[in-house]
Amino acid sequence: MLVRASVAAWAGGHVPSCRLSILIDLAGYYPIVAITGPRHSGKTTLARATFPDKPYASLEDPDVRALAATDPRGFYPPLHDRAIPPHVWFSDYLATYVERDLRSLLQVRERDHFHRFVLMCAARSGQLLNLSALAADCGITHNTAHAWIGVLEASYIATRLTPFHRNLGKRLTRTPRLYLLDPGLAAWLAGVRGAPELAVGSLLGPLFETWVVSEFLKRRRNGLHPEELHFWRDDAEFEFRQVDRQEQQVASGQRFDQ
């Protein structure tokens, strides 16, 4: 994962120890760390002072830059294979992949609007998706909200469950439910910072349901099965969530086999 660490200029070439400590911590979390800042602000000085034993290459050299462009190396480290604090991982993931990459893909100029949109989607995970209300809360148009939801789905950030109906046309036209595919990311975006807070808050049910949907979808995808996952709701608004062809349901507090 790429992490950005802004650097300010310092006098006399002295690198503050706090800068070194932060950079060393980040390098222990991720295989790649990018140091950004204005020209002549001390980026190279900081990198070489922090990692004096690492080989150094300058991308200002045309041959080195060409090699880097034609033979890149990318990594996607999971949260749990390193001792990365969750707040560090989720914050960096949001800033790097969700906000920077998706905003670039969508050509979004207003960073605050898209940031608010992602937070509002997390707060709505497990709920019926009212695009008009979501758009109004984010200060964007209905069409923009629809396009942004589509990109979150294409990027495996979110998904929509359609209501179950034997008539396919009605499945596609009735109101879906929105879910983020990573319940940990959904919880962090919604402001949950720990299990005790989750246990007493109003998001326990929706986030548990988000986790269940995520697990069902992973099972179907890993088994190369179509994602025929729906929810069922009758005219009296009685709901039965996560309907698939095997008609299984899980509720908070129950074992999976119950």
C-alpha atoms as a PDB file:
ATOM      1  CA  MET A   1       0.000   0.000   0.000  1.00  0.00           C
ATOM      2  CA  LEU A   2       1.196   3.488  -0.818  1.00  0.00           C
ATOM      3  CA  VAL A   3       1.292   5.904   2.112  1.00  0.00           C
ATOM      4  CA  ARG A   4       1.925   9.595   1.797  1.00  0.00           C
ATOM      5  CA  ALA A   5       3.911  11.507   4.427  1.00  0.00           C
ATOM      6  CA  SER A   6       4.116  15.273   3.954  1.00  0.00           C
ATOM      7  CA  VAL A   7       7.461  16.878   4.778  1.00  0.00           C
ATOM      8  CA  ALA A   8       8.232  20.497   5.660  1.00  0.00           C
ATOM      9  CA  ALA A   9      11.633  22.096   5.253  1.00  0.00           C
ATOM     10  CA  TRP A  10      13.895  22.288   8.295  1.00  0.00           C
ATOM     11  CA  ALA A  11      16.890  24.441   9.014  1.00  0.00           C
ATOM     12  CA  GLY A  12      20.500  23.326   8.810  1.00  0.00           C
ATOM     13  CA  GLY A  13      19.718  19.902   7.327  1.00  0.00           C
ATOM     14  CA  HIS A  14      18.674  18.585  10.732  1.00  0.00           C
ATOM     15  CA  VAL A  15      15.974  15.919  10.545  1.00  0.00           C
ATOM     16  CA  PRO A  16      13.639  15.950  13.577  1.00  0.00           C
ATOM     17  CA  SER A  17      13.626  12.601  15.385  1.00  0.00           C
ATOM     18  CA  CYS A  18       9.819  12.521  15.303  1.00  0.00           C
ATOM     19  CA  ARG A  19       9.968  12.457  11.496  1.00  0.00           C
ATOM     20  CA  LEU A  20      12.361   9.517  11.564  1.00  0.00           C
ATOM     21  CA  SER A  21      10.194   7.631  14.057  1.00  0.00           C
ATOM     22  CA  ILE A  22       6.996   8.097  12.046  1.00  0.00           C
ATOM     23  CA  LEU A  23       8.648   7.047   8.804  1.00  0.00           C
ATOM     24  CA  ILE A  24      10.223   3.965  10.408  1.00  0.00           C
ATOM     25  CA  ASP A  25       6.805   2.950  11.788  1.00  0.00           C
ATOM     26  CA  LEU A  26       5.144   3.358   8.375  1.00  0.00           C
ATOM     27  CA  ALA A  27       7.908   1.377   6.677  1.00  0.00           C
ATOM     28  CA  GLY A  28       7.202  -1.450   9.130  1.00  0.00           C
ATOM     29  CA  TYR A  29       3.523  -1.402   8.166  1.00  0.00           C
ATOM     30  CA  TYR A  30       3.811  -1.169   4.373  1.00  0.00           C
ATOM     31  CA  PRO A  31       6.222  -2.380   1.689  1.00  0.00           C
ATOM     32  CA  ILE A  32       6.164   1.026  -0.020  1.00  0.00           C
ATOM     33  CA  VAL A  33       6.160   4.496   1.567  1.00  0.00           C
ATOM     34  CA  ALA A  34       6.016   7.665  -0.533  1.00  0.00           C
ATOM     35  CA  ILE A  35       7.341  10.917   0.916  1.00  0.00           C
ATOM     36  CA  THR A  36       5.680  13.917  -0.708  1.00  0.00           C
ATOM     37  CA  GLY A  37       6.312  17.654  -0.445  1.00  0.00           C
ATOM     38  CA  PRO A  38       7.437  20.708  -2.436  1.00  0.00           C
ATOM     39  CA  ARG A  39      10.786  20.776  -4.206  1.00  0.00           C
ATOM     40  CA  HIS A  40      13.852  21.231  -1.974  1.00  0.00           C
ATOM     41  CA  SER A  41      11.841  20.584   1.192  1.00  0.00           C
ATOM     42  CA  GLY A  42      14.095  17.768   2.414  1.00  0.00           C
ATOM     43  CA  LYS A  43      12.402  14.634   1.042  1.00  0.00           C
ATOM     44  CA  THR A  44      15.641  12.982  -0.087  1.00  0.00           C
ATOM     45  CA  THR A  45      17.436  14.054   3.091  1.00  0.00           C
ATOM     46  CA  LEU A  46      14.684  12.492   5.205  1.00  0.00           C
ATOM     47  CA  ALA A  47      14.654   9.234   3.212  1.00  0.00           C
ATOM     48  CA  ARG A  48      18.437   8.764   3.270  1.00  0.00           C
ATOM     49  CA  ALA A  49      18.703   9.720   6.945  1.00  0.00           C
ATOM     50  CA  THR A  50      15.975   7.260   7.904  1.00  0.00           C
ATOM     51  CA  PHE A  51      17.227   4.371   5.753  1.00  0.00           C
ATOM     52  CA  PRO A  52      21.007   4.813   5.408  1.00  0.00           C
ATOM     53  CA  ASP A  53      21.522   1.131   4.495  1.00  0.00           C
ATOM     54  CA  LYS A  54      18.950   1.078   1.679  1.00  0.00           C
ATOM     55  CA  PRO A  55      20.116   1.375  -1.958  1.00  0.00           C
ATOM     56  CA  TYR A  56      19.377   4.767  -3.497  1.00  0.00           C
ATOM     57  CA  ALA A  57      18.136   5.430  -7.033  1.00  0.00           C
ATOM     58  CA  SER A  58      17.022   8.738  -8.541  1.00  0.00           C
ATOM     59  CA  LEU A  59      14.052   8.794 -10.900  1.00  0.00           C
ATOM     60  CA  GLU A  60      15.469  11.957 -12.412  1.00  0.00           C
ATOM     61  CA  ASP A  61      17.845   9.611 -14.246  1.00  0.00           C
ATOM     62  CA  PRO A  62      15.992   8.755 -17.525  1.00  0.00           C
ATOM     63  CA  ASP A  63      17.203   5.145 -17.570  1.00  0.00           C
ATOM     64  CA  VAL A  64      16.166   4.523 -13.963  1.00  0.00           C
ATOM     65  CA  ARG A  65      12.797   6.182 -14.554  1.00  0.00           C
ATOM     66  CA  ALA A  66      12.181   4.077 -17.665  1.00  0.00           C
ATOM     67  CA  LEU A  67      13.010   0.874 -15.762  1.00  0.00           C
ATOM     68  CA  ALA A  68      10.629   1.821 -12.951  1.00  0.00           C
ATOM     69  CA  ALA A  69       7.857   2.553 -15.460  1.00  0.00           C
ATOM     70  CA  THR A  70       8.250  -0.748 -17.336  1.00  0.00           C
ATOM     71  CA  ASP A  71       8.872  -3.028 -14.342  1.00  0.00           C
ATOM     72  CA  PRO A  72       6.747  -1.780 -11.426  1.00  0.00           C
ATOM     73  CA  ARG A  73       6.128  -3.776  -8.258  1.00  0.00           C
ATOM     74  CA  GLY A  74       2.777  -3.616  -6.497  1.00  0.00           C
ATOM     75  CA  PHE A  75       1.550  -5.046  -3.196  1.00  0.00           C
ATOM     76  CA  TYR A  76      -1.751  -5.317  -1.374  1.00  0.00           C
ATOM     77  CA  PRO A  77      -0.963  -6.292   2.219  1.00  0.00           C
ATOM     78  CA  PRO A  78      -3.964  -7.456   4.269  1.00  0.00           C
ATOM     79  CA  LEU A  79      -4.670  -5.698   7.527  1.00  0.00           C
ATOM     80  CA  HIS A  80      -4.004  -8.759   9.675  1.00  0.00           C
ATOM     81  CA  ASP A  81      -0.668 -10.008   8.344  1.00  0.00           C
ATOM     82  CA  ARG A  82       1.171  -7.086   9.948  1.00  0.00           C
ATOM     83  CA  ALA A  83       0.884  -5.299  13.259  1.00  0.00           C
ATOM     84  CA  ILE A  84      -0.759  -2.266  11.646  1.00  0.00           C
ATOM     85  CA  PRO A  85      -3.074  -0.323  13.960  1.00  0.00           C
ATOM     86  CA  PRO A  86      -6.568  -0.402  12.402  1.00  0.00           C
ATOM     87  CA  HIS A  87      -6.934   3.377  12.528  1.00  0.00           C
ATOM     88  CA  VAL A  88      -3.718   3.743  10.527  1.00  0.00           C
ATOM     89  CA  TRP A  89      -4.716   1.169   7.923  1.00  0.00           C
ATOM     90  CA  PHE A  90      -8.264   2.416   7.358  1.00  0.00           C
ATOM     91  CA  SER A  91      -7.219   6.065   7.288  1.00  0.00           C
ATOM     92  CA  ASP A  92      -4.504   5.359   4.707  1.00  0.00           C
ATOM     93  CA  TYR A  93      -6.804   3.100   2.687  1.00  0.00           C
ATOM     94  CA  LEU A  94      -9.460   5.805   2.547  1.00  0.00           C
ATOM     95  CA  ALA A  95      -6.982   8.522   1.580  1.00  0.00           C
ATOM     96  CA  THR A  96      -5.073   6.454  -0.978  1.00  0.00           C
ATOM     97  CA  TYR A  97      -7.471   4.102  -2.722  1.00  0.00           C
ATOM     98  CA  VAL A  98     -10.971   5.409  -2.040  1.00  0.00           C
ATOM     99  CA  GLU A  99     -10.496   9.173  -2.117  1.00  0.00           C
ATOM    100  CA  ARG A 100      -7.491   9.620  -4.393  1.00  0.00           C
ATOM    101  CA  ASP A 101      -7.911   6.808  -6.929  1.00  0.00           C
ATOM    102  CA  LEU A 102     -11.704   6.830  -7.163  1.00  0.00           C
ATOM    103  CA  ARG A 103     -11.904  10.616  -7.230  1.00  0.00           C
ATOM    104  CA  SER A 104      -9.390  10.578 -10.075  1.00  0.00           C
ATOM    105  CA  LEU A 105     -11.413   7.937 -11.921  1.00  0.00           C
ATOM    106  CA  LEU A 106     -14.628   9.937 -11.479  1.00  0.00           C
ATOM    107  CA  GLN A 107     -12.874  13.263 -12.137  1.00  0.00           C
ATOM    108  CA  VAL A 108     -14.356  14.621  -8.916  1.00  0.00           C
ATOM    109  CA  ARG A 109     -13.207  18.166  -8.226  1.00  0.00           C
ATOM    110  CA  GLU A 110     -14.909  18.624  -4.872  1.00  0.00           C
ATOM    111  CA  ARG A 111     -12.988  16.401  -2.456  1.00  0.00           C
ATOM    112  CA  ASP A 112     -15.303  17.191   0.459  1.00  0.00           C
ATOM    113  CA  HIS A 113     -18.402  16.080  -1.450  1.00  0.00           C
ATOM    114  CA  PHE A 114     -16.946  12.691  -2.308  1.00  0.00           C
ATOM    115  CA  HIS A 115     -15.525  12.222   1.196  1.00  0.00           C
ATOM    116  CA  ARG A 116     -18.952  12.934   2.678  1.00  0.00           C
ATOM    117  CA  PHE A 117     -20.562  10.596   0.138  1.00  0.00           C
ATOM    118  CA  VAL A 118     -18.359   7.663   1.201  1.00  0.00           C
ATOM    119  CA  LEU A 119     -19.045   8.359   4.901  1.00  0.00           C
ATOM    120  CA  MET A 120     -22.792   8.550   4.293  1.00  0.00           C
ATOM    121  CA  CYS A 121     -22.730   5.251   2.385  1.00  0.00           C
ATOM    122  CA  ALA A 122     -21.002   3.609   5.357  1.00  0.00           C
ATOM    123  CA  ALA A 123     -23.631   5.011   7.725  1.00  0.00           C
ATOM    124  CA  ARG A 124     -26.328   3.545   5.463  1.00  0.00           C
ATOM    125  CA  SER A 125     -24.784   0.077   5.169  1.00  0.00           C
ATOM    126  CA  GLY A 126     -27.522  -2.500   5.746  1.00  0.00           C
ATOM    127  CA  GLN A 127     -30.321  -0.051   4.955  1.00  0.00           C
ATOM    128  CA  LEU A 128     -32.666   0.523   2.034  1.00  0.00           C
ATOM    129  CA  LEU A 129     -30.917   2.790  -0.441  1.00  0.00           C
ATOM    130  CA  ASN A 130     -32.765   6.044  -1.095  1.00  0.00           C
ATOM    131  CA  LEU A 131     -30.580   7.698  -3.713  1.00  0.00           C
ATOM    132  CA  SER A 132     -32.491  10.968  -3.613  1.00  0.00           C
ATOM    133  CA  ALA A 133     -32.025  11.306   0.156  1.00  0.00           C
ATOM    134  CA  LEU A 134     -28.361  10.265  -0.081  1.00  0.00           C
ATOM    135  CA  ALA A 135     -27.729  12.814  -2.822  1.00  0.00           C
ATOM    136  CA  ALA A 136     -29.463  15.578  -0.835  1.00  0.00           C
ATOM    137  CA  ASP A 137     -27.427  14.792   2.301  1.00  0.00           C
ATOM    138  CA  CYS A 138     -24.208  15.003   0.267  1.00  0.00           C
ATOM    139  CA  GLY A 139     -25.092  18.117  -1.720  1.00  0.00           C
ATOM    140  CA  ILE A 140     -24.946  16.347  -5.094  1.00  0.00           C
ATOM    141  CA  THR A 141     -27.454  15.424  -7.784  1.00  0.00           C
ATOM    142  CA  HIS A 142     -29.358  12.126  -7.978  1.00  0.00           C
ATOM    143  CA  ASN A 143     -27.501  11.202 -11.179  1.00  0.00           C
ATOM    144  CA  THR A 144     -24.139  11.890  -9.544  1.00  0.00           C
ATOM    145  CA  ALA A 145     -25.008   9.708  -6.549  1.00  0.00           C
ATOM    146  CA  HIS A 146     -26.082   6.920  -8.918  1.00  0.00           C
ATOM    147  CA  ALA A 147     -22.789   7.143 -10.838  1.00  0.00           C
ATOM    148  CA  TRP A 148     -20.694   7.189  -7.653  1.00  0.00           C
ATOM    149  CA  ILE A 149     -22.499   4.133  -6.251  1.00  0.00           C
ATOM    150  CA  GLY A 150     -21.735   2.314  -9.495  1.00  0.00           C
ATOM    151  CA  VAL A 151     -18.026   3.049  -9.154  1.00  0.00           C
ATOM    152  CA  LEU A 152     -17.988   1.890  -5.514  1.00  0.00           C
ATOM    153  CA  GLU A 153     -19.525  -1.386  -6.721  1.00  0.00           C
ATOM    154  CA  ALA A 154     -17.056  -1.756  -9.599  1.00  0.00           C
ATOM    155  CA  SER A 155     -14.223  -1.184  -7.110  1.00  0.00           C
ATOM    156  CA  TYR A 156     -15.560  -3.842  -4.686  1.00  0.00           C
ATOM    157  CA  ILE A 157     -16.145  -1.214  -2.003  1.00  0.00           C
ATOM    158  CA  ALA A 158     -19.938  -1.623  -1.904  1.00  0.00           C
ATOM    159  CA  THR A 159     -22.757  -3.734  -3.284  1.00  0.00           C
ATOM    160  CA  ARG A 160     -26.528  -3.541  -3.600  1.00  0.00           C
ATOM    161  CA  LEU A 161     -28.931  -6.365  -2.741  1.00  0.00           C
ATOM    162  CA  THR A 162     -32.128  -6.359  -4.745  1.00  0.00           C
ATOM    163  CA  PRO A 163     -35.439  -7.487  -3.188  1.00  0.00           C
ATOM    164  CA  PHE A 164     -36.406 -11.051  -4.011  1.00  0.00           C
ATOM    165  CA  HIS A 165     -39.255 -11.501  -6.472  1.00  0.00           C
ATOM    166  CA  ARG A 166     -40.034 -14.239  -8.952  1.00  0.00           C
ATOM    167  CA  ASN A 167     -40.522 -11.507 -11.552  1.00  0.00           C
ATOM    168  CA  LEU A 168     -37.017 -10.407 -12.585  1.00  0.00           C
ATOM    169  CA  GLY A 169     -38.246  -7.003 -13.722  1.00  0.00           C
ATOM    170  CA  LYS A 170     -39.597  -6.220 -10.266  1.00  0.00           C
ATOM    171  CA  ARG A 171     -36.301  -7.246  -8.677  1.00  0.00           C
ATOM    172  CA  LEU A 172     -34.509  -4.663 -10.799  1.00  0.00           C
ATOM    173  CA  THR A 173     -36.934  -1.802 -10.218  1.00  0.00           C
ATOM    174  CA  ARG A 174     -37.653  -2.031  -6.496  1.00  0.00           C
ATOM    175  CA  THR A 175     -35.517  -0.345  -3.831  1.00  0.00           C
ATOM    176  CA  PRO A 176     -32.271  -2.240  -3.051  1.00  0.00           C
ATOM    177  CA  ARG A 177     -30.302  -2.399   0.192  1.00  0.00           C
ATOM    178  CA  LEU A 178     -26.788  -0.968   0.296  1.00  0.00           C
ATOM    179  CA  TYR A 179     -23.840  -2.784   1.900  1.00  0.00           C
ATOM    180  CA  LEU A 180     -20.151  -2.027   2.143  1.00  0.00           C
ATOM    181  CA  LEU A 181     -18.211  -5.202   1.438  1.00  0.00           C
ATOM    182  CA  ASP A 182     -15.691  -4.749   4.267  1.00  0.00           C
ATOM    183  CA  PRO A 183     -17.483  -4.480   7.630  1.00  0.00           C
ATOM    184  CA  GLY A 184     -14.284  -3.222   9.288  1.00  0.00           C
ATOM    185  CA  LEU A 185     -14.018  -0.353   6.809  1.00  0.00           C
ATOM    186  CA  ALA A 186     -17.751   0.315   7.182  1.00  0.00           C
ATOM    187  CA  ALA A 187     -17.421   0.514  10.964  1.00  0.00           C
ATOM    188  CA  TRP A 188     -14.403   2.810  10.822  1.00  0.00           C
ATOM    189  CA  LEU A 189     -16.052   5.139   8.306  1.00  0.00           C
ATOM    190  CA  ALA A 190     -19.189   5.229  10.460  1.00  0.00           C
ATOM    191  CA  GLY A 191     -17.113   6.391  13.428  1.00  0.00           C
ATOM    192  CA  VAL A 192     -16.868   3.118  15.380  1.00  0.00           C
ATOM    193  CA  ARG A 193     -13.432   2.839  16.974  1.00  0.00           C
ATOM    194  CA  GLY A 194     -13.707  -0.325  19.086  1.00  0.00           C
ATOM    195  CA  ALA A 195     -15.787  -3.350  20.068  1.00  0.00           C
ATOM    196  CA  PRO A 196     -17.173  -1.797  23.290  1.00  0.00           C
ATOM    197  CA  GLU A 197     -18.457   1.179  21.321  1.00  0.00           C
ATOM    198  CA  LEU A 198     -20.016  -1.108  18.721  1.00  0.00           C
ATOM    199  CA  ALA A 199     -21.728  -3.290  21.344  1.00  0.00           C
ATOM    200  CA  VAL A 200     -23.710  -0.409  22.846  1.00  0.00           C
ATOM    201  CA  GLY A 201     -24.310   1.603  19.665  1.00  0.00           C
ATOM    202  CA  SER A 202     -27.087   1.582  17.108  1.00  0.00           C
ATOM    203  CA  LEU A 203     -24.844   0.188  14.354  1.00  0.00           C
ATOM    204  CA  LEU A 204     -24.406  -3.312  15.794  1.00  0.00           C
ATOM    205  CA  GLY A 205     -27.290  -4.781  13.782  1.00  0.00           C
ATOM    206  CA  PRO A 206     -26.499  -3.107  10.450  1.00  0.00           C
ATOM    207  CA  LEU A 207     -22.774  -3.860  10.707  1.00  0.00           C
ATOM    208  CA  PHE A 208     -23.415  -7.476  11.694  1.00  0.00           C
ATOM    209  CA  GLU A 209     -25.706  -7.762   8.696  1.00  0.00           C
ATOM    210  CA  THR A 210     -23.000  -6.164   6.557  1.00  0.00           C
ATOM    211  CA  TRP A 211     -20.572  -8.855   7.711  1.00  0.00           C
ATOM    212  CA  VAL A 212     -23.089 -11.634   6.947  1.00  0.00           C
ATOM    213  CA  VAL A 213     -23.731 -10.323   3.438  1.00  0.00           C
ATOM    214  CA  SER A 214     -19.986 -10.035   2.841  1.00  0.00           C
ATOM    215  CA  GLU A 215     -19.407 -13.638   3.945  1.00  0.00           C
ATOM    216  CA  PHE A 216     -22.252 -14.971   1.789  1.00  0.00           C
ATOM    217  CA  LEU A 217     -20.941 -13.105  -1.253  1.00  0.00           C
ATOM    218  CA  LYS A 218     -17.378 -14.330  -0.677  1.00  0.00           C
ATOM    219  CA  ARG A 219     -18.608 -17.907  -0.372  1.00  0.00           C
ATOM    220  CA  ARG A 220     -20.540 -17.684  -3.619  1.00  0.00           C
ATOM    221  CA  ARG A 221     -17.720 -15.961  -5.498  1.00  0.00           C
ATOM    222  CA  ASN A 222     -15.108 -18.404  -4.231  1.00  0.00           C
ATOM    223  CA  GLY A 223     -17.356 -21.254  -5.325  1.00  0.00           C
ATOM    224  CA  LEU A 224     -17.741 -19.673  -8.777  1.00  0.00           C
ATOM    225  CA  HIS A 225     -21.492 -19.344  -8.234  1.00  0.00           C
ATOM    226  CA  PRO A 226     -23.592 -16.414  -9.463  1.00  0.00           C
ATOM    227  CA  GLU A 227     -24.303 -13.770  -6.841  1.00  0.00           C
ATOM    228  CA  GLU A 228     -28.004 -14.602  -6.511  1.00  0.00           C
ATOM    229  CA  LEU A 229     -28.394 -12.974  -3.115  1.00  0.00           C
ATOM    230  CA  HIS A 230     -31.499 -10.963  -2.255  1.00  0.00           C
ATOM    231  CA  PHE A 231     -33.683  -9.819   0.616  1.00  0.00           C
ATOM    232  CA  TRP A 232     -37.418 -10.454   0.893  1.00  0.00           C
ATOM    233  CA  ARG A 233     -40.022  -7.993   2.106  1.00  0.00           C
ATOM    234  CA  ASP A 234     -43.813  -8.379   2.071  1.00  0.00           C
ATOM    235  CA  ASP A 235     -46.514  -5.702   1.880  1.00  0.00           C
ATOM    236  CA  ALA A 236     -46.642  -5.486   5.681  1.00  0.00           C
ATOM    237  CA  GLU A 237     -42.890  -4.644   5.616  1.00  0.00           C
ATOM    238  CA  PHE A 238     -41.885  -7.926   7.275  1.00  0.00           C
ATOM    239  CA  GLU A 239     -38.362  -8.653   6.135  1.00  0.00           C
ATOM    240  CA  PHE A 240     -36.285 -11.779   5.689  1.00  0.00           C
ATOM    241  CA  ARG A 241     -32.707 -10.862   4.856  1.00  0.00           C
ATOM    242  CA  GLN A 242     -30.087 -12.591   2.751  1.00  0.00           C
ATOM    243  CA  VAL A 243     -32.246 -14.922   0.687  1.00  0.00           C
ATOM    244  CA  ASP A 244     -30.300 -17.183  -1.605  1.00  0.00           C
ATOM    245  CA  ARG A 245     -31.259 -20.383  -3.375  1.00  0.00           C
ATOM    246  CA  GLN A 246     -30.550 -22.371  -0.186  1.00  0.00           C
ATOM    247  CA  GLU A 247     -32.817 -20.074   1.895  1.00  0.00           C
ATOM    248  CA  GLN A 248     -30.405 -19.531   4.781  1.00  0.00           C
ATOM    249  CA  GLN A 249     -30.595 -16.766   7.373  1.00  0.00           C
ATOM    250  CA  VAL A 250     -28.310 -15.684  10.205  1.00  0.00           C
ATOM    251  CA  ALA A 251     -29.244 -13.385  13.082  1.00  0.00           C
ATOM    252  CA  SER A 252     -26.996 -11.706  15.634  1.00  0.00           C
ATOM    253  CA  GLY A 253     -26.443 -14.051  18.570  1.00  0.00           C
ATOM    254  CA  GLN A 254     -27.182 -17.239  16.598  1.00  0.00           C
ATOM    255  CA  ARG A 255     -24.754 -19.887  15.432  1.00  0.00           C
ATOM    256  CA  PHE A 256     -24.405 -20.137  11.664  1.00  0.00           C
ATOM    257  CA  ASP A 257     -25.850 -23.671  11.639  1.00  0.00           C
ATOM    258  CA  GLN A 258     -28.983 -22.524  13.445  1.00  0.00           C
END
